[in-house]
Structures are given as C-alpha cells and as structure tokens.
Amino acid sequence: MTNLTDFLDEELSTKQQNQNIEQKIEQKLKEYNYLISKEYAKYLVELESSSKQIKTITISEAKKTPFLVNLEVQVKKVYLMQEKNKGTEKFITQRLLVADKTGEEILVAFDENAKKINQKIIAKDLIRIGPVRYTNNEFRLINKGDFFIIQKAPLQKDLVENSKGNFEGIIKKIYPQKEYNTKNSEKKFMQVFDLLMDKKLVKCVYWDIPQKISSELKEGMQIRIENGIVKNAQIQLNFNSRIVYEQKEKNPYILKSFEIKNKKLILYTDSKQIELSLDQALNIFDLVNIPQDVNIENALKIKLSHLIGNKFFLD
C-alpha cells in the first residue's frame, strides 16, 4: 500500500528539482545579461550538469530525475536493430529490455552505439550503461555513451538434445555457404562452421543466415551464440538466434590536468600525455552538437574541469 506522505514527498522532490533547474537557467541568463536565448541558457546548464560525475542509480530512481545517469541492469531481451528515416536523414536504433530489482524498462541506443550493442550484447548479460536520460517512456543512451559487460550471460556447457541456450567458443573452420529450399520453395542460405567449445569441436548450422553476419564471420573469431538449439549433437541457429563477438575491454585513463594550446587539446593523464585536435575532442567528450555560436574552447573547459581526477575512455 502506497504511503500518502511518501508519495507527496516524492512529488514535492520532483517539483523542487524542476524549480532548481529553472533557477539555474535564470542565473545563466543573468550571467550573460539576457543576451542569449533561454534555450541556449538551458543548454549551458545541461552541459555543466552532465560534466559532473554521473551517478549510477536504479531504474526507478532514473525515471524520476531530469539528469543524465548510469544504469547497472540485466538485459532481458535484445530486439532487432532497425534503420529508420526522419525526413532525409537515416538513423539506426537498437532497443533493449533491461531490468534491475526496481523494475524494467526499454532502453534505446542510436547509430554507432546501436551497432556496437547489437554486436556485443546478448540476453541475460549484466551491463553497466550510460549516460542515459529517461524521456518519452524510455531510456536513451547519449551519442558518446558506452556500455560494459559486468557479467556475461550463463553459458550452456553440455549438448543436451533439444535444449536451447547460450554458447561460447572460437570459430575453427568456416565452410562454404549452401543454398536450400524452404517448404514454400523459397531459396535460402545456410552457413556451417566448426566451433571450439572448451576443448570440444562442435558443428554449428545457421539456417537462413543474414548475409551481413555471414560476411563478418572469420576463422579464429571468439563468438557468443544466443538461443542456439541442440539437435543431433550440433548447435542449430534460426531467426530467433543471434551471434555476437567477444567484448574487448578498454583501458581507462585518469585525467590529471589539461590545456588548450594552438587549437589542440592536451590531456595529462595517469599514464601518458594525449594530444587531440579540437574536432577529435568534441567527438570524444560528446560535444559535437553544441550550437554554432558556442565557443568550442570554453565548452571543452567546462566539460573537462569536472572530469579531473575521474576515468575516461578513448575510442
């Protein structure tokens, strides 16, 4: 039973957060003597807020905050990656159903992030993902957001006849594609390859394999299979199955200090000095969409001043 006091406190807290944001926007307008638009002021406030250390919180908390956050969640389902049109622009979306102890929700990634997720994540992976923002009844991963697999989905070790599960191994041999006819006399292609699983060589048969996946499979590649079915001591894959590639971990840097000199950003980290062009820096630190009248160097200084002492990654 919902406690009325708790409900009112929650509602009041949300209103206070929104009021605080409006106050910060008003302060930013005053700072610029009202020579900038309210939209531009809001952008600067969001830029400063997102540059601060981003918290990892639960799904239920994340749905109530207007700020960017990180999530630690289990993937319940990976939907089909889709290509969509908006006017003359094309973009790619990848939806996940994610859950934690407080609930479940749809999370959407776009373009390059969508492709990476589609190639790396399977159902039941435990992941850390962010920064995300809750909007229009779904979480959205920002363009320079990232994800890390904290714990891989459980794997099936034994080939139990007619069982379905996730499998992992190294591709040892790929055979030429074969053409076959469906019951409706439709021509399809199948791909057969040998997978080394825990010192055991297993033949895998992917029925109606998408051509893109077939072209990307290479001998020596570490892969994971989602929803493989064991039949006749083989692992069979169909339209409900997926293949993803082994996650490559990135090494983080800790930012000690920085300077901008001669149109270059110089980062001093715990392990080495890194020099970037301003365009590279805008991409890496998620500032590619700043308005044209925003000073690039100032935007970078605001962002990086809050990152000193924290970890960051380079693509």
C-alpha atoms as a PDB file:
ATOM      1  CA  MET A   1       0.000   0.000   0.000  1.00  0.00           C
ATOM      2  CA  THR A   2       1.445   3.391  -1.025  1.00  0.00           C
ATOM      3  CA  ASN A   3       2.133   5.730   1.856  1.00  0.00           C
ATOM      4  CA  LEU A   4       0.476   9.082   1.041  1.00  0.00           C
ATOM      5  CA  THR A   5       3.220  11.027   2.831  1.00  0.00           C
ATOM      6  CA  ASP A   6       5.929   9.267   0.817  1.00  0.00           C
ATOM      7  CA  PHE A   7       4.001   9.914  -2.400  1.00  0.00           C
ATOM      8  CA  LEU A   8       3.637  13.633  -1.619  1.00  0.00           C
ATOM      9  CA  ASP A   9       7.311  13.862  -0.601  1.00  0.00           C
ATOM     10  CA  GLU A  10       8.334  12.249  -3.913  1.00  0.00           C
ATOM     11  CA  GLU A  11       6.130  14.614  -5.891  1.00  0.00           C
ATOM     12  CA  LEU A  12       7.499  17.596  -3.965  1.00  0.00           C
ATOM     13  CA  SER A  13      11.075  16.435  -4.546  1.00  0.00           C
ATOM     14  CA  THR A  14      10.488  16.243  -8.322  1.00  0.00           C
ATOM     15  CA  LYS A  15       8.927  19.727  -8.330  1.00  0.00           C
ATOM     16  CA  GLN A  16      11.897  21.067  -6.369  1.00  0.00           C
ATOM     17  CA  GLN A  17      14.329  19.534  -8.872  1.00  0.00           C
ATOM     18  CA  ASN A  18      12.480  21.191 -11.752  1.00  0.00           C
ATOM     19  CA  GLN A  19      12.413  24.513  -9.880  1.00  0.00           C
ATOM     20  CA  ASN A  20      16.162  24.246  -9.252  1.00  0.00           C
ATOM     21  CA  ILE A  21      16.767  23.741 -12.962  1.00  0.00           C
ATOM     22  CA  GLU A  22      14.637  26.782 -13.813  1.00  0.00           C
ATOM     23  CA  GLN A  23      16.587  28.821 -11.246  1.00  0.00           C
ATOM     24  CA  LYS A  24      19.898  27.739 -12.797  1.00  0.00           C
ATOM     25  CA  ILE A  25      18.626  28.719 -16.258  1.00  0.00           C
ATOM     26  CA  GLU A  26      17.599  32.149 -14.908  1.00  0.00           C
ATOM     27  CA  GLN A  27      21.050  32.558 -13.282  1.00  0.00           C
ATOM     28  CA  LYS A  28      22.721  31.692 -16.578  1.00  0.00           C
ATOM     29  CA  LEU A  29      20.562  34.261 -18.411  1.00  0.00           C
ATOM     30  CA  LYS A  30      21.620  36.930 -15.871  1.00  0.00           C
ATOM     31  CA  GLU A  31      25.254  35.884 -16.234  1.00  0.00           C
ATOM     32  CA  TYR A  32      25.027  36.729 -19.948  1.00  0.00           C
ATOM     33  CA  ASN A  33      22.924  39.890 -19.335  1.00  0.00           C
ATOM     34  CA  TYR A  34      19.992  38.234 -21.138  1.00  0.00           C
ATOM     35  CA  LEU A  35      21.880  38.402 -24.438  1.00  0.00           C
ATOM     36  CA  ILE A  36      21.358  34.664 -25.030  1.00  0.00           C
ATOM     37  CA  SER A  37      18.138  32.745 -25.576  1.00  0.00           C
ATOM     38  CA  LYS A  38      16.520  30.647 -22.860  1.00  0.00           C
ATOM     39  CA  GLU A  39      17.170  27.543 -24.994  1.00  0.00           C
ATOM     40  CA  TYR A  40      20.878  28.388 -25.148  1.00  0.00           C
ATOM     41  CA  ALA A  41      20.933  29.019 -21.380  1.00  0.00           C
ATOM     42  CA  LYS A  42      19.264  25.660 -20.793  1.00  0.00           C
ATOM     43  CA  TYR A  43      21.885  24.020 -22.999  1.00  0.00           C
ATOM     44  CA  LEU A  44      24.720  25.569 -20.936  1.00  0.00           C
ATOM     45  CA  VAL A  45      23.101  24.388 -17.696  1.00  0.00           C
ATOM     46  CA  GLU A  46      22.765  20.856 -19.066  1.00  0.00           C
ATOM     47  CA  LEU A  47      26.355  20.946 -20.301  1.00  0.00           C
ATOM     48  CA  GLU A  48      27.617  21.855 -16.831  1.00  0.00           C
ATOM     49  CA  SER A  49      25.368  19.277 -15.145  1.00  0.00           C
ATOM     50  CA  SER A  50      26.349  16.446 -17.477  1.00  0.00           C
ATOM     51  CA  SER A  51      30.029  17.243 -16.981  1.00  0.00           C
ATOM     52  CA  LYS A  52      29.810  16.431 -13.278  1.00  0.00           C
ATOM     53  CA  GLN A  53      30.449  12.919 -12.062  1.00  0.00           C
ATOM     54  CA  ILE A  54      27.462  10.946 -13.294  1.00  0.00           C
ATOM     55  CA  LYS A  55      25.776   8.727 -10.719  1.00  0.00           C
ATOM     56  CA  THR A  56      24.818   5.085 -11.156  1.00  0.00           C
ATOM     57  CA  ILE A  57      21.283   4.644  -9.848  1.00  0.00           C
ATOM     58  CA  THR A  58      18.345   2.242 -10.127  1.00  0.00           C
ATOM     59  CA  ILE A  59      15.752   2.217 -12.894  1.00  0.00           C
ATOM     60  CA  SER A  60      13.008   3.578 -10.624  1.00  0.00           C
ATOM     61  CA  GLU A  61      15.230   6.467  -9.479  1.00  0.00           C
ATOM     62  CA  ALA A  62      16.456   7.184 -13.007  1.00  0.00           C
ATOM     63  CA  LYS A  63      12.886   7.597 -14.273  1.00  0.00           C
ATOM     64  CA  LYS A  64      12.344  10.480 -11.831  1.00  0.00           C
ATOM     65  CA  THR A  65      15.468  12.563 -12.456  1.00  0.00           C
ATOM     66  CA  PRO A  66      15.970  15.040 -15.318  1.00  0.00           C
ATOM     67  CA  PHE A  67      19.751  14.468 -15.222  1.00  0.00           C
ATOM     68  CA  LEU A  68      21.982  12.050 -17.097  1.00  0.00           C
ATOM     69  CA  VAL A  69      22.683   8.845 -15.147  1.00  0.00           C
ATOM     70  CA  ASN A  70      24.304   5.426 -15.496  1.00  0.00           C
ATOM     71  CA  LEU A  71      22.439   2.138 -15.039  1.00  0.00           C
ATOM     72  CA  GLU A  72      23.545  -1.324 -13.943  1.00  0.00           C
ATOM     73  CA  VAL A  73      20.963  -3.704 -15.385  1.00  0.00           C
ATOM     74  CA  GLN A  74      20.356  -7.176 -16.734  1.00  0.00           C
ATOM     75  CA  VAL A  75      19.404  -7.420 -20.391  1.00  0.00           C
ATOM     76  CA  LYS A  76      16.103  -9.293 -20.698  1.00  0.00           C
ATOM     77  CA  LYS A  77      15.710  -9.049 -24.496  1.00  0.00           C
ATOM     78  CA  VAL A  78      17.646  -7.706 -27.483  1.00  0.00           C
ATOM     79  CA  TYR A  79      15.242  -6.546 -30.187  1.00  0.00           C
ATOM     80  CA  LEU A  80      16.002  -6.413 -33.904  1.00  0.00           C
ATOM     81  CA  MET A  81      18.190  -3.493 -34.896  1.00  0.00           C
ATOM     82  CA  GLN A  82      16.217  -1.135 -37.144  1.00  0.00           C
ATOM     83  CA  GLU A  83      17.011   1.500 -39.730  1.00  0.00           C
ATOM     84  CA  LYS A  84      14.608   4.435 -39.774  1.00  0.00           C
ATOM     85  CA  ASN A  85      14.084   7.624 -41.756  1.00  0.00           C
ATOM     86  CA  LYS A  86      13.354  11.076 -40.422  1.00  0.00           C
ATOM     87  CA  GLY A  87      12.884  13.371 -43.391  1.00  0.00           C
ATOM     88  CA  THR A  88      16.019  12.990 -45.487  1.00  0.00           C
ATOM     89  CA  GLU A  89      18.071  11.620 -42.574  1.00  0.00           C
ATOM     90  CA  LYS A  90      18.590   7.931 -41.845  1.00  0.00           C
ATOM     91  CA  PHE A  91      19.391   6.609 -38.395  1.00  0.00           C
ATOM     92  CA  ILE A  92      19.744   3.214 -36.707  1.00  0.00           C
ATOM     93  CA  THR A  93      18.093   2.195 -33.439  1.00  0.00           C
ATOM     94  CA  GLN A  94      18.729  -0.735 -31.124  1.00  0.00           C
ATOM     95  CA  ARG A  95      16.228  -1.417 -28.355  1.00  0.00           C
ATOM     96  CA  LEU A  96      16.875  -3.468 -25.243  1.00  0.00           C
ATOM     97  CA  LEU A  97      14.520  -4.539 -22.489  1.00  0.00           C
ATOM     98  CA  VAL A  98      16.536  -4.056 -19.294  1.00  0.00           C
ATOM     99  CA  ALA A  99      15.725  -4.745 -15.647  1.00  0.00           C
ATOM    100  CA  ASP A 100      17.006  -4.429 -12.108  1.00  0.00           C
ATOM    101  CA  LYS A 101      15.450  -5.091  -8.695  1.00  0.00           C
ATOM    102  CA  THR A 102      13.272  -1.963  -9.015  1.00  0.00           C
ATOM    103  CA  GLY A 103      11.664  -2.670 -12.385  1.00  0.00           C
ATOM    104  CA  GLU A 104      12.204  -2.994 -16.111  1.00  0.00           C
ATOM    105  CA  GLU A 105      12.191  -0.543 -18.997  1.00  0.00           C
ATOM    106  CA  ILE A 106      13.064  -0.096 -22.662  1.00  0.00           C
ATOM    107  CA  LEU A 107      16.488   1.385 -23.410  1.00  0.00           C
ATOM    108  CA  VAL A 108      17.321   2.756 -26.863  1.00  0.00           C
ATOM    109  CA  ALA A 109      20.720   3.319 -28.471  1.00  0.00           C
ATOM    110  CA  PHE A 110      21.343   5.073 -31.770  1.00  0.00           C
ATOM    111  CA  ASP A 111      23.675   4.726 -34.745  1.00  0.00           C
ATOM    112  CA  GLU A 112      27.223   3.666 -33.723  1.00  0.00           C
ATOM    113  CA  ASN A 113      26.121   2.726 -30.199  1.00  0.00           C
ATOM    114  CA  ALA A 114      23.275   0.690 -31.698  1.00  0.00           C
ATOM    115  CA  LYS A 115      25.720  -1.233 -33.891  1.00  0.00           C
ATOM    116  CA  LYS A 116      28.114  -1.902 -31.003  1.00  0.00           C
ATOM    117  CA  ILE A 117      25.355  -3.176 -28.729  1.00  0.00           C
ATOM    118  CA  ASN A 118      23.990  -5.387 -31.489  1.00  0.00           C
ATOM    119  CA  GLN A 119      27.447  -6.919 -31.988  1.00  0.00           C
ATOM    120  CA  LYS A 120      28.360  -7.405 -28.317  1.00  0.00           C
ATOM    121  CA  ILE A 121      25.364  -7.960 -26.016  1.00  0.00           C
ATOM    122  CA  ILE A 122      23.062 -10.947 -25.566  1.00  0.00           C
ATOM    123  CA  ALA A 123      20.083 -11.584 -23.289  1.00  0.00           C
ATOM    124  CA  LYS A 124      20.960 -12.175 -19.615  1.00  0.00           C
ATOM    125  CA  ASP A 125      24.187 -10.128 -19.775  1.00  0.00           C
ATOM    126  CA  LEU A 126      24.627  -7.857 -16.750  1.00  0.00           C
ATOM    127  CA  ILE A 127      25.790  -4.492 -18.063  1.00  0.00           C
ATOM    128  CA  ARG A 128      26.726  -1.008 -16.961  1.00  0.00           C
ATOM    129  CA  ILE A 129      25.448   1.531 -19.490  1.00  0.00           C
ATOM    130  CA  GLY A 130      25.308   5.290 -19.684  1.00  0.00           C
ATOM    131  CA  PRO A 131      24.947   8.139 -19.599  1.00  0.00           C
ATOM    132  CA  VAL A 132      21.229   7.767 -20.287  1.00  0.00           C
ATOM    133  CA  ARG A 133      18.234  10.025 -19.848  1.00  0.00           C
ATOM    134  CA  TYR A 134      14.600   8.953 -19.375  1.00  0.00           C
ATOM    135  CA  THR A 135      12.370  10.590 -21.958  1.00  0.00           C
ATOM    136  CA  ASN A 136       9.154   9.624 -23.786  1.00  0.00           C
ATOM    137  CA  ASN A 137       8.744   6.499 -21.628  1.00  0.00           C
ATOM    138  CA  GLU A 138      12.154   5.029 -22.460  1.00  0.00           C
ATOM    139  CA  PHE A 139      15.824   5.435 -21.594  1.00  0.00           C
ATOM    140  CA  ARG A 140      18.019   6.887 -24.317  1.00  0.00           C
ATOM    141  CA  LEU A 141      21.786   6.409 -24.455  1.00  0.00           C
ATOM    142  CA  ILE A 142      23.592   9.613 -25.454  1.00  0.00           C
ATOM    143  CA  ASN A 143      25.754   9.526 -28.574  1.00  0.00           C
ATOM    144  CA  LYS A 144      29.065   9.234 -26.719  1.00  0.00           C
ATOM    145  CA  GLY A 145      27.682   6.931 -24.064  1.00  0.00           C
ATOM    146  CA  ASP A 146      29.148   3.488 -23.595  1.00  0.00           C
ATOM    147  CA  PHE A 147      28.481   0.117 -22.017  1.00  0.00           C
ATOM    148  CA  PHE A 148      30.495  -2.576 -20.293  1.00  0.00           C
ATOM    149  CA  ILE A 149      29.612  -6.182 -19.658  1.00  0.00           C
ATOM    150  CA  ILE A 150      29.920  -6.690 -15.905  1.00  0.00           C
ATOM    151  CA  GLN A 151      28.929 -10.341 -16.015  1.00  0.00           C
ATOM    152  CA  LYS A 152      28.275 -12.432 -19.102  1.00  0.00           C
ATOM    153  CA  ALA A 153      25.077 -14.411 -19.547  1.00  0.00           C
ATOM    154  CA  PRO A 154      25.269 -18.000 -18.263  1.00  0.00           C
ATOM    155  CA  LEU A 155      26.517 -20.482 -20.856  1.00  0.00           C
ATOM    156  CA  GLN A 156      25.364 -23.999 -21.634  1.00  0.00           C
ATOM    157  CA  LYS A 157      28.335 -26.364 -21.473  1.00  0.00           C
ATOM    158  CA  ASP A 158      26.751 -29.700 -22.415  1.00  0.00           C
ATOM    159  CA  LEU A 159      24.999 -30.562 -25.678  1.00  0.00           C
ATOM    160  CA  VAL A 160      21.697 -31.809 -24.269  1.00  0.00           C
ATOM    161  CA  GLU A 161      19.443 -32.869 -27.162  1.00  0.00           C
ATOM    162  CA  ASN A 162      16.629 -30.364 -27.978  1.00  0.00           C
ATOM    163  CA  SER A 163      17.830 -27.909 -25.328  1.00  0.00           C
ATOM    164  CA  LYS A 164      18.114 -24.176 -26.004  1.00  0.00           C
ATOM    165  CA  GLY A 165      20.823 -21.956 -24.556  1.00  0.00           C
ATOM    166  CA  ASN A 166      23.769 -19.619 -24.965  1.00  0.00           C
ATOM    167  CA  PHE A 167      27.135 -20.928 -26.155  1.00  0.00           C
ATOM    168  CA  GLU A 168      30.631 -19.526 -26.490  1.00  0.00           C
ATOM    169  CA  GLY A 169      33.714 -20.577 -28.418  1.00  0.00           C
ATOM    170  CA  ILE A 170      36.273 -19.928 -31.160  1.00  0.00           C
ATOM    171  CA  ILE A 171      35.453 -20.460 -34.834  1.00  0.00           C
ATOM    172  CA  LYS A 172      37.948 -23.022 -36.143  1.00  0.00           C
ATOM    173  CA  LYS A 173      36.619 -23.568 -39.661  1.00  0.00           C
ATOM    174  CA  ILE A 174      34.022 -21.929 -41.896  1.00  0.00           C
ATOM    175  CA  TYR A 175      32.503 -23.969 -44.725  1.00  0.00           C
ATOM    176  CA  PRO A 176      31.127 -22.520 -47.995  1.00  0.00           C
ATOM    177  CA  GLN A 177      27.533 -21.319 -47.834  1.00  0.00           C
ATOM    178  CA  LYS A 178      24.901 -23.762 -49.038  1.00  0.00           C
ATOM    179  CA  GLU A 179      21.614 -22.992 -50.741  1.00  0.00           C
ATOM    180  CA  TYR A 180      18.434 -24.793 -49.697  1.00  0.00           C
ATOM    181  CA  ASN A 181      14.722 -24.587 -50.421  1.00  0.00           C
ATOM    182  CA  THR A 182      12.064 -23.984 -47.778  1.00  0.00           C
ATOM    183  CA  LYS A 183       8.713 -25.802 -47.734  1.00  0.00           C
ATOM    184  CA  ASN A 184       7.370 -22.917 -49.813  1.00  0.00           C
ATOM    185  CA  SER A 185      10.144 -23.468 -52.386  1.00  0.00           C
ATOM    186  CA  GLU A 186      11.826 -20.258 -51.287  1.00  0.00           C
ATOM    187  CA  LYS A 187      15.611 -20.236 -51.709  1.00  0.00           C
ATOM    188  CA  LYS A 188      17.622 -19.568 -48.531  1.00  0.00           C
ATOM    189  CA  PHE A 189      21.241 -19.853 -47.473  1.00  0.00           C
ATOM    190  CA  MET A 190      22.760 -21.772 -44.570  1.00  0.00           C
ATOM    191  CA  GLN A 191      26.202 -21.368 -43.030  1.00  0.00           C
ATOM    192  CA  VAL A 192      28.089 -24.216 -41.369  1.00  0.00           C
ATOM    193  CA  PHE A 193      31.112 -23.659 -39.130  1.00  0.00           C
ATOM    194  CA  ASP A 194      33.091 -25.568 -36.500  1.00  0.00           C
ATOM    195  CA  LEU A 195      33.169 -24.050 -33.013  1.00  0.00           C
ATOM    196  CA  LEU A 196      35.780 -24.966 -30.410  1.00  0.00           C
ATOM    197  CA  MET A 197      33.948 -25.061 -27.072  1.00  0.00           C
ATOM    198  CA  ASP A 198      36.039 -25.922 -24.022  1.00  0.00           C
ATOM    199  CA  LYS A 199      38.402 -28.236 -25.994  1.00  0.00           C
ATOM    200  CA  LYS A 200      35.427 -29.798 -27.800  1.00  0.00           C
ATOM    201  CA  LEU A 201      34.783 -29.206 -31.516  1.00  0.00           C
ATOM    202  CA  VAL A 202      31.085 -28.696 -32.304  1.00  0.00           C
ATOM    203  CA  LYS A 203      29.468 -28.202 -35.701  1.00  0.00           C
ATOM    204  CA  CYS A 204      27.107 -25.221 -35.915  1.00  0.00           C
ATOM    205  CA  VAL A 205      24.431 -24.752 -38.584  1.00  0.00           C
ATOM    206  CA  TYR A 206      22.935 -21.269 -39.091  1.00  0.00           C
ATOM    207  CA  TRP A 207      19.727 -21.557 -41.163  1.00  0.00           C
ATOM    208  CA  ASP A 208      18.671 -18.547 -43.255  1.00  0.00           C
ATOM    209  CA  ILE A 209      21.742 -16.649 -42.146  1.00  0.00           C
ATOM    210  CA  PRO A 210      21.705 -12.875 -42.755  1.00  0.00           C
ATOM    211  CA  GLN A 211      24.335 -12.093 -45.392  1.00  0.00           C
ATOM    212  CA  LYS A 212      25.899  -9.381 -43.233  1.00  0.00           C
ATOM    213  CA  ILE A 213      26.590 -11.854 -40.425  1.00  0.00           C
ATOM    214  CA  SER A 214      27.914 -14.462 -42.835  1.00  0.00           C
ATOM    215  CA  SER A 215      30.416 -11.998 -44.315  1.00  0.00           C
ATOM    216  CA  GLU A 216      31.665 -10.943 -40.864  1.00  0.00           C
ATOM    217  CA  LEU A 217      32.373 -14.438 -39.512  1.00  0.00           C
ATOM    218  CA  LYS A 218      36.095 -15.243 -39.566  1.00  0.00           C
ATOM    219  CA  GLU A 219      38.144 -18.252 -38.524  1.00  0.00           C
ATOM    220  CA  GLY A 220      39.775 -17.607 -35.156  1.00  0.00           C
ATOM    221  CA  MET A 221      36.978 -15.264 -34.061  1.00  0.00           C
ATOM    222  CA  GLN A 222      35.695 -15.552 -30.480  1.00  0.00           C
ATOM    223  CA  ILE A 223      31.880 -15.528 -30.545  1.00  0.00           C
ATOM    224  CA  ARG A 224      28.851 -15.989 -28.328  1.00  0.00           C
ATOM    225  CA  ILE A 225      25.641 -17.570 -29.559  1.00  0.00           C
ATOM    226  CA  GLU A 226      22.246 -16.550 -28.156  1.00  0.00           C
ATOM    227  CA  ASN A 227      19.382 -19.064 -28.380  1.00  0.00           C
ATOM    228  CA  GLY A 228      21.178 -21.924 -30.065  1.00  0.00           C
ATOM    229  CA  ILE A 229      19.253 -25.241 -30.242  1.00  0.00           C
ATOM    230  CA  VAL A 230      20.979 -28.596 -29.825  1.00  0.00           C
ATOM    231  CA  LYS A 231      19.964 -31.175 -32.445  1.00  0.00           C
ATOM    232  CA  ASN A 232      21.907 -34.289 -33.431  1.00  0.00           C
ATOM    233  CA  ALA A 233      24.916 -33.124 -31.384  1.00  0.00           C
ATOM    234  CA  GLN A 234      25.019 -29.891 -33.400  1.00  0.00           C
ATOM    235  CA  ILE A 235      24.144 -26.332 -32.444  1.00  0.00           C
ATOM    236  CA  GLN A 236      21.473 -25.042 -34.791  1.00  0.00           C
ATOM    237  CA  LEU A 237      20.633 -21.371 -35.198  1.00  0.00           C
ATOM    238  CA  ASN A 238      17.472 -19.843 -36.675  1.00  0.00           C
ATOM    239  CA  PHE A 239      15.674 -16.482 -36.853  1.00  0.00           C
ATOM    240  CA  ASN A 240      15.461 -16.388 -33.024  1.00  0.00           C
ATOM    241  CA  SER A 241      19.228 -16.847 -32.667  1.00  0.00           C
ATOM    242  CA  ARG A 242      21.992 -14.267 -32.630  1.00  0.00           C
ATOM    243  CA  ILE A 243      25.795 -14.256 -32.881  1.00  0.00           C
ATOM    244  CA  VAL A 244      27.879 -11.594 -31.134  1.00  0.00           C
ATOM    245  CA  TYR A 245      31.603 -11.007 -30.990  1.00  0.00           C
ATOM    246  CA  GLU A 246      33.805 -11.154 -27.943  1.00  0.00           C
ATOM    247  CA  GLN A 247      33.813  -7.954 -25.886  1.00  0.00           C
ATOM    248  CA  LYS A 248      37.138  -6.113 -25.999  1.00  0.00           C
ATOM    249  CA  GLU A 249      37.769  -4.241 -22.792  1.00  0.00           C
ATOM    250  CA  LYS A 250      39.005  -0.657 -22.995  1.00  0.00           C
ATOM    251  CA  ASN A 251      41.680   0.684 -20.704  1.00  0.00           C
ATOM    252  CA  PRO A 252      40.579   3.834 -18.878  1.00  0.00           C
ATOM    253  CA  TYR A 253      42.709   6.934 -18.360  1.00  0.00           C
ATOM    254  CA  ILE A 254      42.525   9.171 -15.286  1.00  0.00           C
ATOM    255  CA  LEU A 255      42.569  12.856 -16.174  1.00  0.00           C
ATOM    256  CA  LYS A 256      45.136  14.797 -14.113  1.00  0.00           C
ATOM    257  CA  SER A 257      45.023  18.150 -15.950  1.00  0.00           C
ATOM    258  CA  PHE A 258      44.608  19.638 -19.410  1.00  0.00           C
ATOM    259  CA  GLU A 259      45.385  22.672 -21.525  1.00  0.00           C
ATOM    260  CA  ILE A 260      44.324  24.052 -24.890  1.00  0.00           C
ATOM    261  CA  LYS A 261      47.209  25.350 -26.971  1.00  0.00           C
ATOM    262  CA  ASN A 262      47.431  26.240 -30.674  1.00  0.00           C
ATOM    263  CA  LYS A 263      43.983  24.775 -31.391  1.00  0.00           C
ATOM    264  CA  LYS A 264      44.999  21.474 -29.766  1.00  0.00           C
ATOM    265  CA  LEU A 265      43.702  19.865 -26.570  1.00  0.00           C
ATOM    266  CA  ILE A 266      46.479  18.352 -24.462  1.00  0.00           C
ATOM    267  CA  LEU A 267      45.381  15.847 -21.818  1.00  0.00           C
ATOM    268  CA  TYR A 268      47.728  14.909 -18.978  1.00  0.00           C
ATOM    269  CA  THR A 269      46.677  11.516 -17.638  1.00  0.00           C
ATOM    270  CA  ASP A 270      47.936   8.963 -15.117  1.00  0.00           C
ATOM    271  CA  SER A 271      49.785   7.034 -17.846  1.00  0.00           C
ATOM    272  CA  LYS A 272      50.607   9.350 -20.748  1.00  0.00           C
ATOM    273  CA  GLN A 273      50.118  12.702 -22.444  1.00  0.00           C
ATOM    274  CA  ILE A 274      47.439  12.731 -25.168  1.00  0.00           C
ATOM    275  CA  GLU A 275      47.138  15.397 -27.864  1.00  0.00           C
ATOM    276  CA  LEU A 276      43.874  15.825 -29.766  1.00  0.00           C
ATOM    277  CA  SER A 277      42.554  18.195 -32.375  1.00  0.00           C
ATOM    278  CA  LEU A 278      39.558  20.205 -31.188  1.00  0.00           C
ATOM    279  CA  ASP A 279      37.305  18.245 -33.569  1.00  0.00           C
ATOM    280  CA  GLN A 280      38.518  14.946 -32.080  1.00  0.00           C
ATOM    281  CA  ALA A 281      37.962  16.308 -28.568  1.00  0.00           C
ATOM    282  CA  LEU A 282      34.396  17.383 -29.373  1.00  0.00           C
ATOM    283  CA  ASN A 283      33.622  13.852 -30.565  1.00  0.00           C
ATOM    284  CA  ILE A 284      35.229  12.076 -27.624  1.00  0.00           C
ATOM    285  CA  PHE A 285      33.612  14.256 -24.965  1.00  0.00           C
ATOM    286  CA  ASP A 286      30.121  14.341 -26.529  1.00  0.00           C
ATOM    287  CA  LEU A 287      30.137  17.988 -27.597  1.00  0.00           C
ATOM    288  CA  VAL A 288      29.519  17.564 -31.326  1.00  0.00           C
ATOM    289  CA  ASN A 289      26.029  19.044 -31.170  1.00  0.00           C
ATOM    290  CA  ILE A 290      26.841  22.333 -29.460  1.00  0.00           C
ATOM    291  CA  PRO A 291      25.233  25.409 -31.060  1.00  0.00           C
ATOM    292  CA  GLN A 292      27.344  27.248 -33.651  1.00  0.00           C
ATOM    293  CA  ASP A 293      27.612  30.374 -31.533  1.00  0.00           C
ATOM    294  CA  VAL A 294      29.118  28.479 -28.579  1.00  0.00           C
ATOM    295  CA  ASN A 295      32.863  28.934 -28.075  1.00  0.00           C
ATOM    296  CA  ILE A 296      34.369  25.464 -28.538  1.00  0.00           C
ATOM    297  CA  GLU A 297      37.291  26.009 -26.185  1.00  0.00           C
ATOM    298  CA  ASN A 298      35.018  27.271 -23.397  1.00  0.00           C
ATOM    299  CA  ALA A 299      32.696  24.292 -23.806  1.00  0.00           C
ATOM    300  CA  LEU A 300      35.676  21.906 -23.511  1.00  0.00           C
ATOM    301  CA  LYS A 301      36.994  23.727 -20.441  1.00  0.00           C
ATOM    302  CA  ILE A 302      33.617  23.435 -18.681  1.00  0.00           C
ATOM    303  CA  LYS A 303      33.370  19.738 -19.519  1.00  0.00           C
ATOM    304  CA  LEU A 304      36.947  18.778 -18.633  1.00  0.00           C
ATOM    305  CA  SER A 305      37.189  20.796 -15.417  1.00  0.00           C
ATOM    306  CA  HIS A 306      34.634  18.399 -13.906  1.00  0.00           C
ATOM    307  CA  LEU A 307      36.451  15.313 -15.215  1.00  0.00           C
ATOM    308  CA  ILE A 308      39.764  15.957 -13.431  1.00  0.00           C
ATOM    309  CA  GLY A 309      40.522  13.009 -11.161  1.00  0.00           C
ATOM    310  CA  ASN A 310      37.984  10.782 -12.945  1.00  0.00           C
ATOM    311  CA  LYS A 311      38.268   7.990 -15.507  1.00  0.00           C
ATOM    312  CA  PHE A 312      37.581   8.467 -19.195  1.00  0.00           C
ATOM    313  CA  PHE A 313      37.944   6.329 -22.317  1.00  0.00           C
ATOM    314  CA  LEU A 314      39.219   6.913 -25.826  1.00  0.00           C
ATOM    315  CA  ASP A 315      37.685   5.088 -28.813  1.00  0.00           C
END
